[in-house]
Protein backbone atom coordinates (compact mmCIF):
# COMPACT_ATOMS: atom_id res chain seq x y z
CA MET A 1 25.29 10.80 7.31
CA MET A 2 24.04 13.41 5.41
CA GLY A 3 21.98 16.29 5.97
CA ASP A 4 18.08 15.96 5.61
CA GLY A 5 18.03 18.08 2.46
CA GLU A 6 21.32 16.53 1.08
CA ALA A 7 20.02 13.09 1.63
CA SER A 8 16.72 14.00 -0.10
CA GLU A 9 18.42 15.48 -3.55
CA TRP A 10 20.72 12.59 -3.74
CA GLY A 11 17.57 10.40 -3.53
CA ARG A 12 15.73 12.26 -5.89
CA ARG A 13 18.93 12.47 -8.59
CA VAL A 14 19.21 8.78 -8.24
CA VAL A 15 15.66 7.95 -8.82
CA PHE A 16 15.56 9.91 -11.63
CA ARG A 17 18.50 9.21 -13.40
CA LYS A 18 17.67 7.92 -16.75
CA ILE A 19 17.44 3.75 -15.94
CA GLY A 20 17.22 2.80 -19.62
CA ALA A 21 14.77 3.47 -22.67
CA GLN A 22 11.92 0.87 -22.71
CA GLY A 23 11.80 -2.23 -24.89
CA GLU A 24 11.32 -5.60 -24.66
CA ARG A 25 14.97 -7.71 -23.09
CA GLU A 26 16.52 -10.80 -22.41
CA CYS A 27 15.87 -12.61 -18.90
CA GLN A 28 18.99 -12.72 -17.82
CA ASN A 29 18.48 -15.84 -15.90
CA CYS A 30 16.97 -18.23 -18.67
CA ASN A 31 18.15 -15.82 -21.66
CA LYS A 32 14.67 -16.10 -23.28
CA GLU A 33 13.19 -12.88 -24.73
CA LYS A 34 10.21 -12.40 -22.25
CA GLY A 35 8.61 -8.82 -22.93
CA PHE A 36 9.27 -5.89 -21.15
CA LEU A 37 12.06 -6.22 -18.46
CA SER A 38 13.60 -3.26 -16.32
CA GLN A 39 16.90 -3.00 -15.87
CA THR A 40 16.62 -3.26 -12.24
CA LEU A 41 15.56 -6.69 -12.10
CA PRO A 42 16.12 -8.25 -15.22
CA PHE A 43 14.54 -11.41 -14.82
CA CYS A 44 11.21 -12.90 -16.62
CA ILE A 45 8.35 -13.60 -14.22
CA ASP A 46 8.42 -17.64 -14.34
CA CYS A 47 12.13 -17.32 -12.99
CA LEU A 48 11.14 -14.73 -9.96
CA ARG A 49 8.32 -16.84 -9.34
CA SER A 50 10.54 -20.31 -9.29
CA GLY A 51 12.24 -18.83 -6.40
CA LYS A 52 15.65 -19.94 -7.49
CA GLU A 53 18.24 -19.23 -4.69
CA THR A 54 20.48 -18.16 -7.56
CA LEU A 55 18.80 -15.73 -7.83
CA ARG A 56 18.71 -13.95 -4.31
CA PRO A 57 21.68 -11.89 -4.44
CA PHE A 58 20.44 -10.01 -7.27
CA ILE A 59 16.76 -9.22 -6.10
CA GLU A 60 17.87 -8.19 -2.66
CA LYS A 61 21.44 -5.74 -4.54
CA ALA A 62 18.11 -4.34 -6.63
CA HIS A 63 16.14 -3.57 -3.33
CA HIS A 64 19.64 -2.19 -1.67
CA ARG A 65 20.02 0.22 -3.96
CA SER A 66 16.30 1.63 -4.22
CA ARG A 67 17.11 2.15 -0.59
CA GLU A 68 20.51 3.48 -0.05
CA PRO A 69 19.51 6.50 -1.60
CA PHE A 70 17.13 7.18 1.33
CA GLN A 71 19.22 6.12 4.42
CA LEU A 72 17.28 3.28 4.91
CA VAL A 73 18.70 -0.45 6.19
CA PRO A 74 19.06 -2.92 3.53
CA SER A 75 16.81 -5.50 5.33
CA PRO A 76 14.81 -5.93 8.64
CA PRO A 77 17.38 -6.03 11.11
CA ARG A 78 17.77 -8.98 13.31
CA ASN A 79 20.04 -8.16 16.64
CA LYS A 80 18.42 -10.39 19.39
CA PHE A 81 20.00 -8.09 22.06
CA GLY A 82 17.57 -5.08 20.23
CA ILE A 83 14.29 -4.53 20.92
CA SER A 84 11.64 -6.09 19.09
CA CYS A 85 8.76 -3.81 17.11
CA GLN A 86 5.54 -5.89 17.13
CA ILE A 87 3.70 -3.33 14.84
CA CYS A 88 4.16 -5.18 11.33
CA VAL A 89 5.33 -8.42 9.59
CA ASN A 90 9.22 -7.44 9.81
CA GLN A 91 9.12 -7.66 13.46
CA CYS A 92 12.42 -5.42 13.62
CA GLU A 93 15.41 -6.20 16.37
CA ILE A 94 16.64 -2.98 16.59
CA SER A 95 20.08 -2.09 18.22
CA GLU A 96 21.51 0.85 20.02
CA GLY A 97 21.65 3.75 17.75
CA ALA A 98 20.14 1.70 14.54
CA TRP A 99 17.12 2.15 12.47
CA GLY A 100 13.82 -0.42 11.49
CA TYR A 101 13.09 -1.15 8.16
CA CYS A 102 10.66 0.95 7.64
CA GLY A 103 13.11 4.06 8.93
CA LEU A 104 10.57 5.08 11.65
CA ARG A 105 12.24 4.17 14.85
CA THR A 106 15.44 3.71 16.06
CA GLN A 107 16.90 2.61 19.56
CA ARG A 108 17.97 5.28 22.48
CA GLU A 109 19.33 3.81 25.74
CA GLY A 110 17.02 0.80 25.85
CA VAL A 111 13.86 2.83 24.34
CA LEU A 112 12.09 2.77 20.83
CA GLU A 113 12.03 6.44 19.57
CA GLY A 114 10.85 8.13 16.18
CA THR A 115 7.35 7.87 15.65
CA SER A 116 4.44 6.77 17.97
CA SER A 117 1.18 6.84 18.61
CA GLU A 118 1.29 10.33 20.07
CA LYS A 119 4.12 11.34 17.34
CA GLY A 120 3.22 10.72 13.72
CA ASN A 121 5.62 11.24 10.74
CA VAL A 122 2.71 12.55 8.56
CA SER A 123 0.79 15.30 5.76
CA TRP A 124 -2.54 15.30 4.70
CA TYR A 125 -4.77 17.18 2.22
CA TYR A 126 -8.58 17.61 1.23
CA ASP A 127 -9.93 15.81 -1.93
CA PRO A 128 -13.36 17.15 -2.91
CA LEU A 129 -15.59 13.87 -3.56
CA PRO A 130 -16.42 11.92 -5.37
CA THR A 131 -12.25 11.48 -5.93
CA ASN A 132 -10.33 8.91 -7.36
CA CYS A 133 -9.71 6.37 -4.54
CA VAL A 134 -9.32 2.72 -5.40
CA ALA A 135 -12.75 2.16 -3.83
CA ASP A 136 -14.72 5.37 -5.45
CA TRP A 137 -17.29 2.96 -7.70
CA VAL A 138 -18.31 1.29 -4.39
CA CYS A 139 -18.31 3.34 -1.60
CA PRO A 140 -20.80 6.02 -0.14
CA GLY A 141 -18.28 9.07 -1.10
CA GLY A 142 -18.64 7.74 -4.63
CA THR A 143 -21.61 6.37 -5.16
CA GLY A 144 -24.06 7.07 -2.26
CA THR A 145 -24.15 3.58 -1.39
CA GLY A 146 -25.21 3.14 2.30
CA TYR A 147 -27.49 6.16 2.46
CA PRO A 148 -28.44 7.63 4.93
CA GLN A 149 -26.93 5.60 7.40
CA PHE A 150 -23.09 6.20 5.55
CA ALA A 151 -23.73 8.91 3.01
CA PHE A 152 -24.65 12.30 2.92
CA THR A 153 -26.80 11.65 -0.24
CA SER A 154 -27.85 9.03 -2.37
CA GLY A 155 -25.83 9.60 -4.81
CA PRO A 156 -21.97 11.48 -5.42
CA GLU A 157 -21.31 13.31 -2.40
CA TYR A 158 -20.78 16.55 -4.33
CA GLY A 159 -19.66 19.12 -1.94
CA PHE A 160 -18.12 17.11 0.73
CA LYS A 161 -14.81 16.05 1.07
CA ASN A 162 -12.15 13.61 1.94
CA LEU A 163 -9.41 13.81 4.34
CA ALA A 164 -6.41 12.25 2.46
CA VAL A 165 -3.55 10.90 5.51
CA PHE A 166 -0.87 10.17 3.99
CA TYR A 167 2.08 8.46 6.50
CA HIS A 168 5.42 8.36 5.25
CA GLY A 169 7.35 5.62 5.66
CA CYS A 170 6.57 1.47 4.73
CA SER A 171 6.68 -1.94 5.89
CA PHE A 172 7.39 -3.23 2.04
CA ASP A 173 10.20 -1.61 -0.22
CA CYS A 174 8.26 -1.89 -3.69
CA LEU A 175 10.67 -1.13 -6.85
CA PHE A 176 7.73 0.27 -8.71
CA CYS A 177 6.13 2.45 -5.83
CA GLN A 178 3.68 4.81 -7.16
CA ASN A 179 4.26 6.86 -4.14
CA TRP A 180 8.31 6.98 -3.78
CA ASN A 181 8.47 10.37 -2.92
CA HIS A 182 7.20 9.43 0.57
CA ARG A 183 10.66 8.67 1.40
CA GLU A 184 12.05 11.92 1.36
CA MET A 185 9.91 13.05 4.49
CA LEU A 186 10.96 10.23 6.68
CA TRP A 187 13.88 12.49 8.23
CA ASN A 188 11.09 15.99 9.04
CA PRO A 189 11.69 16.46 12.08
CA ARG A 190 8.09 17.64 12.60
CA ARG A 191 5.99 15.49 14.15
CA THR A 192 1.86 15.51 14.40
CA THR A 193 -0.33 14.64 17.35
CA PRO A 194 -3.29 12.75 16.88
CA ASP A 195 -4.86 15.85 17.90
CA GLU A 196 -3.68 17.72 15.35
CA LEU A 197 -5.12 15.27 12.49
CA ALA A 198 -8.17 15.12 14.24
CA GLN A 199 -8.23 18.88 14.27
CA ALA A 200 -8.28 18.79 10.28
CA VAL A 201 -11.97 17.14 10.04
CA ASP A 202 -14.53 19.76 9.42
CA GLU A 203 -18.17 19.88 8.83
CA LYS A 204 -17.78 19.13 5.38
CA THR A 205 -15.60 15.84 5.94
CA SER A 206 -17.31 12.75 5.34
CA CYS A 207 -14.32 10.70 5.42
CA ILE A 208 -10.77 9.91 6.20
CA CYS A 209 -8.52 7.67 3.82
CA TYR A 210 -5.05 6.72 5.57
CA PHE A 211 -2.55 5.82 2.96
CA GLY A 212 1.29 6.85 1.87
CA GLY A 213 3.48 5.21 1.71
CA ASP A 214 1.71 2.89 4.08
CA PRO A 215 -0.42 3.67 7.22
CA THR A 216 0.71 -0.12 8.90
CA PRO A 217 4.06 1.19 10.54
CA GLN A 218 1.89 3.90 12.26
CA LEU A 219 -1.06 2.58 13.19
CA PRO A 220 -0.82 3.39 16.76
CA HIS A 221 -1.46 7.36 15.63
CA ALA A 222 -3.36 6.35 13.22
CA LEU A 223 -6.34 4.66 15.29
CA GLN A 224 -5.64 6.84 18.04
CA ALA A 225 -6.48 10.38 15.26
CA SER A 226 -9.51 8.28 13.90
CA LYS A 227 -11.37 7.56 17.30
CA LYS A 228 -10.53 11.52 18.51
CA ALA A 229 -12.28 12.41 15.05
CA ILE A 230 -15.16 10.50 15.36
CA LYS A 231 -15.42 11.63 19.27
CA LYS A 232 -15.31 15.60 17.54
CA THR A 233 -17.89 14.74 14.73
CA LYS A 234 -20.43 13.89 17.83
CA GLY A 235 -21.80 10.79 15.81
CA ARG A 236 -22.50 12.42 12.26
CA ILE A 237 -21.12 10.35 9.26
CA LEU A 238 -17.46 10.48 9.50
CA ARG A 239 -16.16 7.20 7.43
CA ILE A 240 -12.59 5.57 8.11
CA CYS A 241 -10.81 4.11 5.83
CA TRP A 242 -7.32 2.51 4.61
CA GLU A 243 -5.36 2.21 1.98
CA THR A 244 -3.06 -0.76 2.76
CA ASN A 245 -0.27 -3.52 1.77
CA GLY A 246 -1.78 -5.58 4.71
CA SER A 247 1.35 -6.23 6.32
CA MET A 248 0.21 -5.19 10.09
CA ASN A 249 0.00 -7.24 13.44
CA PRO A 250 -3.45 -8.84 13.70
CA LYS A 251 -4.15 -6.68 16.89
CA PHE A 252 -4.09 -3.97 14.75
CA LEU A 253 -5.99 -5.20 12.13
CA GLU A 254 -9.06 -5.93 14.76
CA GLU A 255 -9.58 -2.24 15.69
CA MET A 256 -9.37 -1.10 12.15
CA VAL A 257 -11.79 -3.28 11.11
CA ASP A 258 -13.86 -1.93 13.91
CA LEU A 259 -13.63 1.57 12.96
CA SER A 260 -14.47 0.98 9.29
CA LEU A 261 -17.01 -1.16 9.74
CA THR A 262 -19.27 0.69 12.22
CA SER A 263 -18.73 4.10 10.35
CA GLY A 264 -19.20 2.66 6.90
CA GLY A 265 -15.61 2.92 6.03
CA CYS A 266 -13.60 0.32 4.14
CA ILE A 267 -10.26 -1.14 4.12
CA LYS A 268 -8.65 -1.48 0.82
CA PHE A 269 -5.84 -4.46 0.25
CA ASP A 270 -2.95 -3.91 -2.28
CA ILE A 271 -2.51 -7.27 -3.41
CA LYS A 272 0.88 -6.58 -4.91
CA ALA A 273 1.34 -10.17 -6.32
CA TRP A 274 -0.27 -13.95 -5.50
CA ASN A 275 3.28 -16.13 -5.90
CA ASP A 276 5.23 -15.00 -2.55
CA SER A 277 8.71 -15.70 -4.63
CA LEU A 278 7.74 -13.08 -7.14
CA HIS A 279 6.42 -10.61 -4.34
CA PHE A 280 9.66 -10.77 -2.29
CA ALA A 281 11.47 -9.86 -5.56
CA LEU A 282 8.93 -6.84 -6.37
CA CYS A 283 8.38 -5.99 -2.99
CA GLY A 284 11.34 -7.31 -0.88
CA VAL A 285 8.65 -8.87 2.37
CA SER A 286 7.07 -11.77 2.37
CA ASN A 287 3.01 -11.54 1.07
CA GLU A 288 2.00 -14.35 3.79
CA ARG A 289 1.14 -12.15 6.21
CA THR A 290 -1.01 -9.80 3.82
CA LYS A 291 -3.03 -12.77 2.92
CA ARG A 292 -4.07 -13.90 6.41
CA ASN A 293 -4.76 -10.68 7.00
CA PHE A 294 -7.21 -10.34 4.18
CA GLU A 295 -8.70 -13.55 4.66
CA GLU A 296 -9.59 -12.12 8.50
CA VAL A 297 -11.17 -8.94 6.89
CA ALA A 298 -13.07 -11.51 4.65
CA SER A 299 -14.72 -13.27 7.43
CA TRP A 300 -16.66 -10.21 8.50
CA THR A 301 -17.79 -8.86 4.83
CA LYS A 302 -20.97 -10.77 5.20
CA GLU A 303 -22.01 -8.70 8.80
CA ARG A 304 -22.28 -5.39 6.22
CA PRO A 305 -22.16 -5.95 2.49
CA GLU A 306 -23.02 -2.43 2.01
CA PRO A 307 -21.07 -0.54 1.73
CA PRO A 308 -18.81 -3.17 0.75
CA LEU A 309 -15.99 -3.19 3.85
CA LEU A 310 -13.04 -5.08 1.91
CA ILE A 311 -11.94 -4.04 -1.65
CA ALA A 312 -8.73 -5.50 -3.27
CA SER A 313 -6.74 -3.91 -6.13
CA THR A 314 -3.66 -5.05 -8.14
CA LEU A 315 -0.96 -2.76 -10.19
CA LEU A 316 -1.07 -4.58 -13.86
CA ILE A 317 3.00 -3.69 -14.18
CA PRO A 318 4.04 -4.92 -17.84
CA GLY A 319 6.47 -8.12 -17.50
CA TYR A 320 6.02 -8.77 -13.67
CA MET A 321 2.51 -9.56 -13.69
CA ASP A 322 0.63 -11.71 -15.91
CA GLU A 323 -2.77 -13.68 -16.00
CA GLU A 324 -1.49 -16.18 -14.21
CA GLU A 325 -0.68 -14.07 -10.85
CA VAL A 326 -4.52 -12.30 -11.36
CA ARG A 327 -5.87 -15.83 -11.82
CA GLY A 328 -4.51 -16.99 -8.75
CA ILE A 329 -5.48 -13.79 -6.78
CA SER A 330 -9.23 -13.88 -8.42
CA LYS A 331 -9.64 -17.50 -7.60
CA TRP A 332 -8.38 -17.03 -3.69
CA ILE A 333 -10.77 -13.60 -3.58
CA ALA A 334 -14.18 -15.35 -4.93
CA SER A 335 -13.35 -18.26 -2.36
CA LEU A 336 -13.59 -16.20 0.25
CA ASN A 337 -16.34 -13.70 -1.09
CA PRO A 338 -17.25 -13.30 -4.95
CA GLU A 339 -18.69 -9.79 -3.83
CA ILE A 340 -15.07 -8.72 -2.87
CA PRO A 341 -14.60 -5.83 -5.45
CA TYR A 342 -11.73 -5.86 -6.98
CA ALA A 343 -9.93 -2.77 -8.78
CA LEU A 344 -7.18 -3.57 -11.53
CA LEU A 345 -4.68 -0.56 -11.59
CA ALA A 346 -2.88 0.64 -14.79
CA PHE A 347 0.51 0.92 -13.82
CA TYR A 348 2.49 4.42 -14.79
CA PRO A 349 6.23 3.79 -14.46
CA GLN A 350 7.72 5.00 -11.73
CA PHE A 351 10.50 4.91 -9.10
CA PHE A 352 13.29 1.99 -9.93
CA PHE A 353 10.62 0.65 -12.66
CA LYS A 354 10.68 3.59 -14.60
CA ASP A 355 12.30 2.18 -17.90
CA LEU A 356 8.49 0.26 -18.01
CA PRO A 357 5.87 1.14 -20.32
CA VAL A 358 1.86 1.86 -19.24
CA THR A 359 0.03 -1.13 -18.69
CA SER A 360 -1.93 -1.77 -22.20
CA ARG A 361 -5.60 -1.76 -22.67
CA LYS A 362 -5.46 -4.88 -24.05
CA PHE A 363 -3.70 -6.84 -20.90
CA ALA A 364 -6.14 -5.04 -18.86
CA PHE A 365 -9.52 -5.75 -20.05
CA ARG A 366 -8.12 -9.60 -20.52
CA CYS A 367 -6.85 -9.64 -16.69
CA GLN A 368 -10.65 -8.07 -15.87
CA GLU A 369 -12.11 -11.40 -18.20
CA VAL A 370 -9.78 -13.66 -16.26
CA ALA A 371 -10.87 -12.03 -12.27
CA GLU A 372 -14.48 -12.27 -13.83
CA GLY A 373 -13.85 -16.11 -14.78
CA GLU A 374 -12.46 -16.86 -11.54
CA GLY A 375 -16.06 -16.41 -10.33
CA LEU A 376 -15.67 -12.46 -9.12
CA ARG A 377 -18.61 -10.32 -9.40
CA ARG A 378 -17.27 -6.84 -9.16
CA VAL A 379 -14.18 -6.41 -11.17
CA ARG A 380 -13.19 -3.05 -12.25
CA VAL A 381 -10.15 -1.85 -14.01
CA GLY A 382 -8.85 1.27 -13.02
CA ASN A 383 -6.82 4.10 -14.20
CA MET A 384 -8.46 4.16 -17.05
CA HIS A 385 -6.96 7.50 -18.12
CA LEU A 386 -3.54 5.41 -18.65
CA LEU A 387 -4.72 3.12 -20.93
């Protein structure tokens, strides 16, 4: 086992190696020219969507390569004699001395140790409002919607700030992760209590946004911190927001909805893909739980139409996201509530998809047309500066 600094440096060297020049490549399964493909996952979107078992070993190997530098187990552990963790969709069964898929918990003498409701592996910083949040175009901090109940001003909240809470660790293994460096902090020995995190909220903090990594593996901690922060502010505006892959245990989702709904905050689901086989290829985990949880939150959206409770987003990865995927996602969201805002985000080459190009402007706006054509009324192209 390497030391913390040694493992981190090895991971950085592996991730930043030259993967290969950007360019169109032939699918290694169907042998057809299919546009941009990464050497990490050299199969076209049609083949990945097919769910062919012959591709499974290659997909699994790609994810193993992305996890090994950070000492993460290759797949969710399944030991019938282990202790079951029920926080997320992976439901890891962790044996003595072994670790869960997120890298945040291990079993020691019959007890799960690591992060908990009282100990969080987390960092945070302040973002002046309005900020580049996925929801900034529809949220109180960016627009003043919900004023005066949920916003300090009738327009953008200049002079106020967001407490951006970055949870290390994730329940997915996205090969294209835009914040992959959270993995370098997994073995950080310092742990933060909910009280310490709540103390970071001052008189100019009008919202907290939990992201990462993903807040899902550490939701017991985030929920505790939220309640303490709200109590500290004594009834003034403090919105609780989440940016997540949506893979949490539904019992935690209920608490998240309650906090966001009553505070004027929102839950932002990152919908990585529509097709489950494609989702597994890209993220190492099924999207079935994410879809069910999204539908559950959607059932609450009419309780508070403004500001919107639920926002969806999708990263437009060249070669691995197409109009068919966007159409499937958009049609589904529109069937739940056509007023749910949907952000289509430009991709920047990162992590193990570093050999792909930035999303093209033409493709981004074509996807917007597709989403609107399926009945969604609030669709936006985000990360415009990258196009």
